[in-house]
C-alpha atoms as a PDB file:
ATOM      1  CA  MET A   1      22.990  48.240  70.646  1.00  0.00           C
ATOM      2  CA  PHE A   2      24.651  44.970  69.579  1.00  0.00           C
ATOM      3  CA  TRP A   3      26.996  44.969  72.562  1.00  0.00           C
ATOM      4  CA  VAL A   4      24.164  45.840  74.931  1.00  0.00           C
ATOM      5  CA  ARG A   5      22.106  42.926  73.592  1.00  0.00           C
ATOM      6  CA  LEU A   6      25.111  40.611  73.786  1.00  0.00           C
ATOM      7  CA  ARG A   7      25.925  41.555  77.368  1.00  0.00           C
ATOM      8  CA  SER A   8      22.312  41.179  78.447  1.00  0.00           C
ATOM      9  CA  GLY A   9      22.051  37.860  76.607  1.00  0.00           C
ATOM     10  CA  ILE A  10      25.156  36.462  78.330  1.00  0.00           C
ATOM     11  CA  ILE A  11      23.923  37.514  81.772  1.00  0.00           C
ATOM     12  CA  MET A  12      20.480  36.070  81.100  1.00  0.00           C
ATOM     13  CA  LEU A  13      21.945  32.797  79.811  1.00  0.00           C
ATOM     14  CA  ALA A  14      24.220  32.472  82.848  1.00  0.00           C
ATOM     15  CA  ALA A  15      21.294  33.048  85.207  1.00  0.00           C
ATOM     16  CA  ALA A  16      19.198  30.464  83.335  1.00  0.00           C
ATOM     17  CA  ILE A  17      21.991  27.875  83.515  1.00  0.00           C
ATOM     18  CA  VAL A  18      22.410  28.350  87.269  1.00  0.00           C
ATOM     19  CA  MET A  19      18.660  28.110  87.817  1.00  0.00           C
ATOM     20  CA  LEU A  20      18.214  24.995  85.677  1.00  0.00           C
ATOM     21  CA  VAL A  21      21.254  23.186  87.064  1.00  0.00           C
ATOM     22  CA  LEU A  22      20.425  23.803  90.720  1.00  0.00           C
ATOM     23  CA  GLY A  23      16.694  23.139  90.344  1.00  0.00           C
ATOM     24  CA  GLY A  24      14.687  22.835  93.566  1.00  0.00           C
ATOM     25  CA  PRO A  25      13.903  26.007  95.526  1.00  0.00           C
ATOM     26  CA  VAL A  26      16.276  28.087  93.359  1.00  0.00           C
ATOM     27  CA  MET A  27      14.412  27.224  90.173  1.00  0.00           C
ATOM     28  CA  LEU A  28      11.083  27.585  91.955  1.00  0.00           C
ATOM     29  CA  ALA A  29      11.993  31.132  92.979  1.00  0.00           C
ATOM     30  CA  GLY A  30      13.443  31.918  89.555  1.00  0.00           C
ATOM     31  CA  THR A  31      10.484  30.730  87.496  1.00  0.00           C
ATOM     32  CA  LEU A  32       8.024  32.383  89.884  1.00  0.00           C
ATOM     33  CA  ALA A  33       9.935  35.665  89.641  1.00  0.00           C
ATOM     34  CA  VAL A  34       9.922  35.468  85.843  1.00  0.00           C
ATOM     35  CA  SER A  35       6.195  34.717  85.940  1.00  0.00           C
ATOM     36  CA  LEU A  36       5.362  37.654  88.183  1.00  0.00           C
ATOM     37  CA  VAL A  37       7.366  40.082  86.055  1.00  0.00           C
ATOM     38  CA  GLY A  38       5.768  38.708  82.893  1.00  0.00           C
ATOM     39  CA  MET A  39       2.289  39.060  84.386  1.00  0.00           C
ATOM     40  CA  SER A  40       3.009  42.651  85.409  1.00  0.00           C
ATOM     41  CA  GLU A  41       4.156  43.421  81.849  1.00  0.00           C
ATOM     42  CA  LEU A  42       0.826  42.200  80.495  1.00  0.00           C
ATOM     43  CA  TYR A  43      -1.149  44.037  83.175  1.00  0.00           C
ATOM     44  CA  ARG A  44       0.763  47.250  82.427  1.00  0.00           C
ATOM     45  CA  ILE A  45      -0.776  47.259  78.955  1.00  0.00           C
ATOM     46  CA  LEU A  46      -4.182  47.976  80.506  1.00  0.00           C
ATOM     47  CA  GLY A  47      -2.790  50.035  83.362  1.00  0.00           C
ATOM     48  CA  PHE A  48      -3.632  47.924  86.415  1.00  0.00           C
ATOM     49  CA  GLU A  49      -0.300  46.255  87.273  1.00  0.00           C
ATOM     50  CA  LYS A  50      -0.171  47.803  90.786  1.00  0.00           C
ATOM     51  CA  THR A  51      -3.835  47.477  91.742  1.00  0.00           C
ATOM     52  CA  PRO A  52      -5.536  45.029  94.157  1.00  0.00           C
ATOM     53  CA  LEU A  53      -6.820  43.091  91.132  1.00  0.00           C
ATOM     54  CA  ALA A  54      -3.264  42.489  89.960  1.00  0.00           C
ATOM     55  CA  MET A  55      -2.089  41.641  93.492  1.00  0.00           C
ATOM     56  CA  LEU A  56      -4.820  39.027  93.767  1.00  0.00           C
ATOM     57  CA  PHE A  57      -3.577  37.207  90.690  1.00  0.00           C
ATOM     58  CA  TYR A  58       0.092  37.581  91.697  1.00  0.00           C
ATOM     59  CA  LEU A  59      -0.871  35.850  94.937  1.00  0.00           C
ATOM     60  CA  ALA A  60      -2.672  33.101  93.003  1.00  0.00           C
ATOM     61  CA  ALA A  61       0.485  32.534  90.941  1.00  0.00           C
ATOM     62  CA  GLY A  62       2.560  32.214  94.109  1.00  0.00           C
ATOM     63  CA  ILE A  63       0.136  29.687  95.615  1.00  0.00           C
ATOM     64  CA  TYR A  64       0.119  27.744  92.331  1.00  0.00           C
ATOM     65  CA  TYR A  65       3.914  27.419  92.371  1.00  0.00           C
ATOM     66  CA  VAL A  66       4.036  26.393  96.027  1.00  0.00           C
ATOM     67  CA  LEU A  67       1.503  23.630  95.334  1.00  0.00           C
ATOM     68  CA  ILE A  68       3.639  22.373  92.448  1.00  0.00           C
ATOM     69  CA  TYR A  69       6.692  22.320  94.712  1.00  0.00           C
ATOM     70  CA  LEU A  70       4.747  20.454  97.408  1.00  0.00           C
ATOM     71  CA  LYS A  71       3.549  17.977  94.742  1.00  0.00           C
ATOM     72  CA  GLN A  72      -0.150  18.680  95.230  1.00  0.00           C
ATOM     73  CA  PRO A  73      -1.432  18.579  91.622  1.00  0.00           C
ATOM     74  CA  GLN A  74      -5.034  17.962  92.696  1.00  0.00           C
ATOM     75  CA  TRP A  75      -5.225  21.557  93.980  1.00  0.00           C
ATOM     76  CA  LEU A  76      -3.830  23.330  90.904  1.00  0.00           C
ATOM     77  CA  PHE A  77      -7.059  23.615  88.924  1.00  0.00           C
ATOM     78  CA  PRO A  78      -9.088  24.669  92.004  1.00  0.00           C
ATOM     79  CA  VAL A  79      -6.595  27.513  92.554  1.00  0.00           C
ATOM     80  CA  LEU A  80      -7.288  28.792  89.039  1.00  0.00           C
ATOM     81  CA  VAL A  81     -11.049  28.559  89.510  1.00  0.00           C
ATOM     82  CA  LEU A  82     -10.938  30.237  92.914  1.00  0.00           C
ATOM     83  CA  ALA A  83      -8.680  32.986  91.559  1.00  0.00           C
ATOM     84  CA  LEU A  84     -11.199  33.698  88.800  1.00  0.00           C
ATOM     85  CA  ILE A  85     -14.089  33.723  91.267  1.00  0.00           C
ATOM     86  CA  ALA A  86     -12.168  36.045  93.609  1.00  0.00           C
ATOM     87  CA  GLY A  87     -11.363  38.314  90.680  1.00  0.00           C
ATOM     88  CA  MET A  88     -15.019  38.449  89.700  1.00  0.00           C
ATOM     89  CA  CYS A  89     -15.971  39.299  93.290  1.00  0.00           C
ATOM     90  CA  LEU A  90     -13.439  42.134  93.356  1.00  0.00           C
ATOM     91  CA  PHE A  91     -14.688  43.302  89.959  1.00  0.00           C
ATOM     92  CA  VAL A  92     -18.256  43.534  91.298  1.00  0.00           C
ATOM     93  CA  ILE A  93     -17.427  44.969  94.723  1.00  0.00           C
ATOM     94  CA  ARG A  94     -15.229  47.748  93.345  1.00  0.00           C
ATOM     95  CA  TYR A  95     -17.202  48.425  90.180  1.00  0.00           C
ATOM     96  CA  PRO A  96     -16.495  50.567  88.159  1.00  0.00           C
ATOM     97  CA  ALA A  97     -12.878  50.664  89.368  1.00  0.00           C
ATOM     98  CA  TYR A  98     -12.045  47.921  86.846  1.00  0.00           C
ATOM     99  CA  ASP A  99     -13.446  47.162  83.433  1.00  0.00           C
ATOM    100  CA  ALA A 100     -14.127  43.761  81.859  1.00  0.00           C
ATOM    101  CA  PRO A 101     -10.949  43.714  79.686  1.00  0.00           C
ATOM    102  CA  GLN A 102      -8.836  44.204  82.819  1.00  0.00           C
ATOM    103  CA  LEU A 103     -10.513  41.262  84.562  1.00  0.00           C
ATOM    104  CA  MET A 104     -10.046  39.096  81.471  1.00  0.00           C
ATOM    105  CA  MET A 105      -6.399  40.132  81.110  1.00  0.00           C
ATOM    106  CA  ALA A 106      -5.806  39.398  84.793  1.00  0.00           C
ATOM    107  CA  PHE A 107      -6.918  35.784  84.427  1.00  0.00           C
ATOM    108  CA  PHE A 108      -5.301  35.423  81.007  1.00  0.00           C
ATOM    109  CA  GLY A 109      -1.988  36.607  82.453  1.00  0.00           C
ATOM    110  CA  LEU A 110      -2.157  34.032  85.244  1.00  0.00           C
ATOM    111  CA  VAL A 111      -2.656  31.159  82.798  1.00  0.00           C
ATOM    112  CA  TYR A 112      -0.644  32.406  79.824  1.00  0.00           C
ATOM    113  CA  VAL A 113       2.408  33.402  81.856  1.00  0.00           C
ATOM    114  CA  ALA A 114       2.523  31.794  85.304  1.00  0.00           C
ATOM    115  CA  VAL A 115       0.877  28.445  84.574  1.00  0.00           C
ATOM    116  CA  MET A 116       2.653  27.888  81.266  1.00  0.00           C
ATOM    117  CA  ILE A 117       6.095  28.881  82.570  1.00  0.00           C
ATOM    118  CA  SER A 118       5.571  26.530  85.523  1.00  0.00           C
ATOM    119  CA  TYR A 119       5.882  23.580  83.151  1.00  0.00           C
ATOM    120  CA  MET A 120       9.633  24.171  82.980  1.00  0.00           C
ATOM    121  CA  PHE A 121       9.810  23.650  86.731  1.00  0.00           C
ATOM    122  CA  GLN A 122       7.564  20.599  86.466  1.00  0.00           C
ATOM    123  CA  ILE A 123       9.844  19.085  83.818  1.00  0.00           C
ATOM    124  CA  ARG A 124      12.865  19.738  86.048  1.00  0.00           C
ATOM    125  CA  MET A 125      11.195  17.944  88.967  1.00  0.00           C
ATOM    126  CA  GLN A 126      10.566  14.653  87.150  1.00  0.00           C
ATOM    127  CA  GLU A 127      12.881  11.721  86.435  1.00  0.00           C
ATOM    128  CA  ASN A 128      15.832  12.786  84.231  1.00  0.00           C
ATOM    129  CA  GLY A 129      14.532  16.329  84.703  1.00  0.00           C
ATOM    130  CA  ALA A 130      17.995  17.902  84.934  1.00  0.00           C
ATOM    131  CA  PHE A 131      18.554  16.856  81.315  1.00  0.00           C
ATOM    132  CA  LEU A 132      14.990  16.994  79.982  1.00  0.00           C
ATOM    133  CA  VAL A 133      14.394  20.627  80.944  1.00  0.00           C
ATOM    134  CA  TRP A 134      16.906  21.794  78.327  1.00  0.00           C
ATOM    135  CA  LEU A 135      14.580  20.490  75.623  1.00  0.00           C
ATOM    136  CA  VAL A 136      12.406  23.565  76.125  1.00  0.00           C
ATOM    137  CA  PHE A 137      15.287  25.811  75.083  1.00  0.00           C
ATOM    138  CA  ILE A 138      16.532  23.461  72.375  1.00  0.00           C
ATOM    139  CA  SER A 139      13.069  23.600  70.829  1.00  0.00           C
ATOM    140  CA  SER A 140      12.436  27.338  71.195  1.00  0.00           C
ATOM    141  CA  TRP A 141      15.762  29.168  71.080  1.00  0.00           C
ATOM    142  CA  GLY A 142      17.346  26.465  68.885  1.00  0.00           C
ATOM    143  CA  CYS A 143      14.528  26.800  66.370  1.00  0.00           C
ATOM    144  CA  ASP A 144      14.722  30.587  66.491  1.00  0.00           C
ATOM    145  CA  THR A 145      18.467  30.586  65.769  1.00  0.00           C
ATOM    146  CA  CYS A 146      18.224  28.035  62.956  1.00  0.00           C
ATOM    147  CA  ALA A 147      15.215  29.827  61.463  1.00  0.00           C
ATOM    148  CA  TYR A 148      17.149  33.098  61.423  1.00  0.00           C
ATOM    149  CA  CYS A 149      20.108  31.498  59.633  1.00  0.00           C
ATOM    150  CA  ALA A 150      17.919  29.605  57.138  1.00  0.00           C
ATOM    151  CA  GLY A 151      15.856  32.706  56.494  1.00  0.00           C
ATOM    152  CA  MET A 152      18.942  34.809  55.807  1.00  0.00           C
ATOM    153  CA  LEU A 153      20.258  32.220  53.343  1.00  0.00           C
ATOM    154  CA  PHE A 154      17.117  30.956  51.633  1.00  0.00           C
ATOM    155  CA  GLY A 155      14.169  33.107  52.719  1.00  0.00           C
ATOM    156  CA  LYS A 156      11.926  34.257  49.874  1.00  0.00           C
ATOM    157  CA  HIS A 157       8.303  33.665  50.914  1.00  0.00           C
ATOM    158  CA  LYS A 158       6.870  35.652  53.829  1.00  0.00           C
ATOM    159  CA  MET A 159       5.333  33.525  56.579  1.00  0.00           C
ATOM    160  CA  ALA A 160       3.410  36.248  58.438  1.00  0.00           C
ATOM    161  CA  PRO A 161       3.947  39.531  56.573  1.00  0.00           C
ATOM    162  CA  VAL A 162       1.715  41.613  58.860  1.00  0.00           C
ATOM    163  CA  LEU A 163       2.921  40.281  62.222  1.00  0.00           C
ATOM    164  CA  SER A 164       6.588  39.669  61.406  1.00  0.00           C
ATOM    165  CA  PRO A 165       7.699  40.783  57.930  1.00  0.00           C
ATOM    166  CA  LYS A 166      11.209  39.342  58.342  1.00  0.00           C
ATOM    167  CA  LYS A 167      10.073  35.764  58.987  1.00  0.00           C
ATOM    168  CA  SER A 168       9.948  33.439  55.976  1.00  0.00           C
ATOM    169  CA  ILE A 169       8.504  30.012  55.271  1.00  0.00           C
ATOM    170  CA  GLU A 170      11.971  28.776  54.353  1.00  0.00           C
ATOM    171  CA  GLY A 171      13.274  30.059  57.661  1.00  0.00           C
ATOM    172  CA  ALA A 172      10.469  28.306  59.544  1.00  0.00           C
ATOM    173  CA  VAL A 173      11.235  24.993  57.840  1.00  0.00           C
ATOM    174  CA  GLY A 174      14.930  25.434  58.569  1.00  0.00           C
ATOM    175  CA  GLY A 175      14.137  26.237  62.193  1.00  0.00           C
ATOM    176  CA  VAL A 176      12.055  23.094  62.698  1.00  0.00           C
ATOM    177  CA  ILE A 177      14.662  20.883  61.015  1.00  0.00           C
ATOM    178  CA  GLY A 178      17.452  22.587  62.947  1.00  0.00           C
ATOM    179  CA  ALA A 179      15.694  22.105  66.293  1.00  0.00           C
ATOM    180  CA  ALA A 180      15.156  18.426  65.476  1.00  0.00           C
ATOM    181  CA  LEU A 181      18.839  17.992  64.595  1.00  0.00           C
ATOM    182  CA  ILE A 182      19.960  19.751  67.777  1.00  0.00           C
ATOM    183  CA  GLY A 183      17.672  17.383  69.679  1.00  0.00           C
ATOM    184  CA  VAL A 184      19.316  14.401  67.992  1.00  0.00           C
ATOM    185  CA  ILE A 185      22.820  15.674  68.822  1.00  0.00           C
ATOM    186  CA  TYR A 186      21.766  16.316  72.420  1.00  0.00           C
ATOM    187  CA  ALA A 187      20.346  12.787  72.668  1.00  0.00           C
ATOM    188  CA  LEU A 188      23.528  11.227  71.282  1.00  0.00           C
ATOM    189  CA  ILE A 189      25.637  13.097  73.837  1.00  0.00           C
ATOM    190  CA  PHE A 190      23.427  12.529  76.889  1.00  0.00           C
ATOM    191  CA  ARG A 191      21.572   9.332  76.005  1.00  0.00           C
ATOM    192  CA  THR A 192      22.743   7.601  79.214  1.00  0.00           C
ATOM    193  CA  HIS A 193      20.943  10.336  81.182  1.00  0.00           C
ATOM    194  CA  LEU A 194      17.718  10.045  79.190  1.00  0.00           C
ATOM    195  CA  THR A 195      16.565   6.692  80.528  1.00  0.00           C
ATOM    196  CA  VAL A 196      12.873   7.612  80.449  1.00  0.00           C
ATOM    197  CA  PHE A 197      12.957   6.936  76.701  1.00  0.00           C
ATOM    198  CA  THR A 198      13.567   3.615  74.993  1.00  0.00           C
ATOM    199  CA  ASN A 199      14.869   5.463  71.931  1.00  0.00           C
ATOM    200  CA  PRO A 200      16.041   8.907  73.102  1.00  0.00           C
ATOM    201  CA  VAL A 201      17.327   9.920  69.653  1.00  0.00           C
ATOM    202  CA  LEU A 202      13.900   9.476  68.068  1.00  0.00           C
ATOM    203  CA  ALA A 203      12.118  11.016  71.051  1.00  0.00           C
ATOM    204  CA  LEU A 204      14.250  14.158  71.087  1.00  0.00           C
ATOM    205  CA  ALA A 205      14.022  14.575  67.317  1.00  0.00           C
ATOM    206  CA  VAL A 206      10.228  14.591  67.619  1.00  0.00           C
ATOM    207  CA  ILE A 207      10.259  16.916  70.632  1.00  0.00           C
ATOM    208  CA  GLY A 208      12.697  19.291  68.938  1.00  0.00           C
ATOM    209  CA  ALA A 209      10.658  19.463  65.726  1.00  0.00           C
ATOM    210  CA  LEU A 210       7.209  19.840  67.316  1.00  0.00           C
ATOM    211  CA  GLY A 211       8.505  22.106  70.062  1.00  0.00           C
ATOM    212  CA  GLY A 212      10.213  24.295  67.479  1.00  0.00           C
ATOM    213  CA  LEU A 213       7.062  24.467  65.397  1.00  0.00           C
ATOM    214  CA  ILE A 214       4.875  25.563  68.294  1.00  0.00           C
ATOM    215  CA  SER A 215       7.521  28.020  69.528  1.00  0.00           C
ATOM    216  CA  MET A 216       6.963  30.073  66.388  1.00  0.00           C
ATOM    217  CA  VAL A 217       3.270  30.285  67.243  1.00  0.00           C
ATOM    218  CA  GLY A 218       4.229  31.640  70.665  1.00  0.00           C
ATOM    219  CA  ASP A 219       6.519  34.212  69.098  1.00  0.00           C
ATOM    220  CA  LEU A 220       3.855  35.396  66.647  1.00  0.00           C
ATOM    221  CA  THR A 221       1.157  35.427  69.333  1.00  0.00           C
ATOM    222  CA  ALA A 222       3.252  37.763  71.461  1.00  0.00           C
ATOM    223  CA  SER A 223       3.814  39.960  68.395  1.00  0.00           C
ATOM    224  CA  ALA A 224       0.070  39.999  67.675  1.00  0.00           C
ATOM    225  CA  ILE A 225      -0.728  41.136  71.216  1.00  0.00           C
ATOM    226  CA  LYS A 226       1.839  43.941  70.969  1.00  0.00           C
ATOM    227  CA  ARG A 227       0.486  45.082  67.610  1.00  0.00           C
ATOM    228  CA  HIS A 228      -3.079  44.994  68.901  1.00  0.00           C
ATOM    229  CA  TYR A 229      -2.198  47.319  71.774  1.00  0.00           C
ATOM    230  CA  GLY A 230       0.252  49.432  69.785  1.00  0.00           C
ATOM    231  CA  ILE A 231       3.398  48.778  71.828  1.00  0.00           C
ATOM    232  CA  LYS A 232       6.928  47.986  70.666  1.00  0.00           C
ATOM    233  CA  ASP A 233       8.149  45.992  73.683  1.00  0.00           C
ATOM    234  CA  TYR A 234       6.487  44.554  76.774  1.00  0.00           C
ATOM    235  CA  GLY A 235       9.055  46.146  79.067  1.00  0.00           C
ATOM    236  CA  THR A 236      12.618  47.407  79.537  1.00  0.00           C
ATOM    237  CA  LEU A 237      13.916  44.929  82.127  1.00  0.00           C
ATOM    238  CA  ILE A 238      16.452  43.331  79.771  1.00  0.00           C
ATOM    239  CA  PRO A 239      18.503  46.029  77.989  1.00  0.00           C
ATOM    240  CA  GLY A 240      18.508  45.493  74.243  1.00  0.00           C
ATOM    241  CA  HIS A 241      15.853  42.775  74.444  1.00  0.00           C
ATOM    242  CA  GLY A 242      12.839  44.445  76.039  1.00  0.00           C
ATOM    243  CA  GLY A 243      10.836  42.738  78.742  1.00  0.00           C
ATOM    244  CA  ILE A 244      10.526  39.195  80.013  1.00  0.00           C
ATOM    245  CA  LEU A 245       7.740  38.427  77.541  1.00  0.00           C
ATOM    246  CA  ASP A 246       9.821  39.742  74.653  1.00  0.00           C
ATOM    247  CA  ARG A 247      12.550  37.194  75.401  1.00  0.00           C
ATOM    248  CA  PHE A 248      10.446  34.292  76.680  1.00  0.00           C
ATOM    249  CA  ASP A 249       7.518  34.522  74.243  1.00  0.00           C
ATOM    250  CA  SER A 250       8.465  31.262  72.500  1.00  0.00           C
ATOM    251  CA  VAL A 251       9.566  29.483  75.699  1.00  0.00           C
ATOM    252  CA  ILE A 252       6.210  30.131  77.375  1.00  0.00           C
ATOM    253  CA  ILE A 253       4.231  28.094  74.872  1.00  0.00           C
ATOM    254  CA  THR A 254       6.929  25.461  74.295  1.00  0.00           C
ATOM    255  CA  GLY A 255       7.203  24.373  77.938  1.00  0.00           C
ATOM    256  CA  PRO A 256       3.742  22.769  78.230  1.00  0.00           C
ATOM    257  CA  LEU A 257       4.072  21.004  74.864  1.00  0.00           C
ATOM    258  CA  VAL A 258       7.483  19.563  75.760  1.00  0.00           C
ATOM    259  CA  PHE A 259       6.125  18.408  79.130  1.00  0.00           C
ATOM    260  CA  TYR A 260       3.257  16.470  77.561  1.00  0.00           C
ATOM    261  CA  LEU A 261       5.385  15.139  74.706  1.00  0.00           C
ATOM    262  CA  ILE A 262       7.755  13.684  77.294  1.00  0.00           C
ATOM    263  CA  GLN A 263       4.838  11.917  79.005  1.00  0.00           C
ATOM    264  CA  LEU A 264       3.589  10.584  75.662  1.00  0.00           C
ATOM    265  CA  LEU A 265       6.922   9.503  74.169  1.00  0.00           C
ATOM    266  CA  ARG A 266       8.168   7.792  77.297  1.00  0.00           C
ATOM    267  CA  GLN A 267       5.396   5.276  76.605  1.00  0.00           C
ATOM    268  CA  PHE A 268       6.225   4.736  72.925  1.00  0.00           C
ATOM    269  CA  ALA A 269       9.801   5.842  72.222  1.00  0.00           C
END
């Protein structure tokens, strides 16, 4: 199992690097593909991933991404509203083909997966984006790695014993500190490419710490959803890791926070 996980992890990391470095249409297609797979994994829980209701919200996700690429932010919220209205119409017209939880999950999947993952692409599109987009992974995966190491060495007090018995408070603190330190190191190496900040070292320390903190919420939220529906993994797409949502659970929630922290700190740091 270890070698399967390692091989899958290397392939996934290589694909992510190519996508993030090239940006543009390649990253647009990559993030949209990840979003659609993630949405289907959620929809599979309630058994409607191949139905017209699911197709409607897949289409809405595609339109949402195209509007981001065309830099038409004024139409993003209307797309979400119209998607919900269209879903409600389909719910009524085909009643009782779908139940209320399926309609709710359909809209939740659009926002939770597609909209939130899109923030990585939005970060990549802005000034210094080729270097800023890595902050999402520094915050989430960096925190996860540091939390694991700190937890193994110092962990004594359970953080969320029901949702994730192996996670400790000491590990969480170590993860946040570790993500902040990785952010500082990254800023020191690439500070000439982080011109949106007056003080990139301070800015990336803050982003790393807060991004790492919220990434743990994303991880535990995904675990809570799985426990609620009695499933072990969201899917089997990535051998040894599970589905897209199993691997990107912390990244999903970190992306939007990093995006808005960048907008805030470029004014003050």
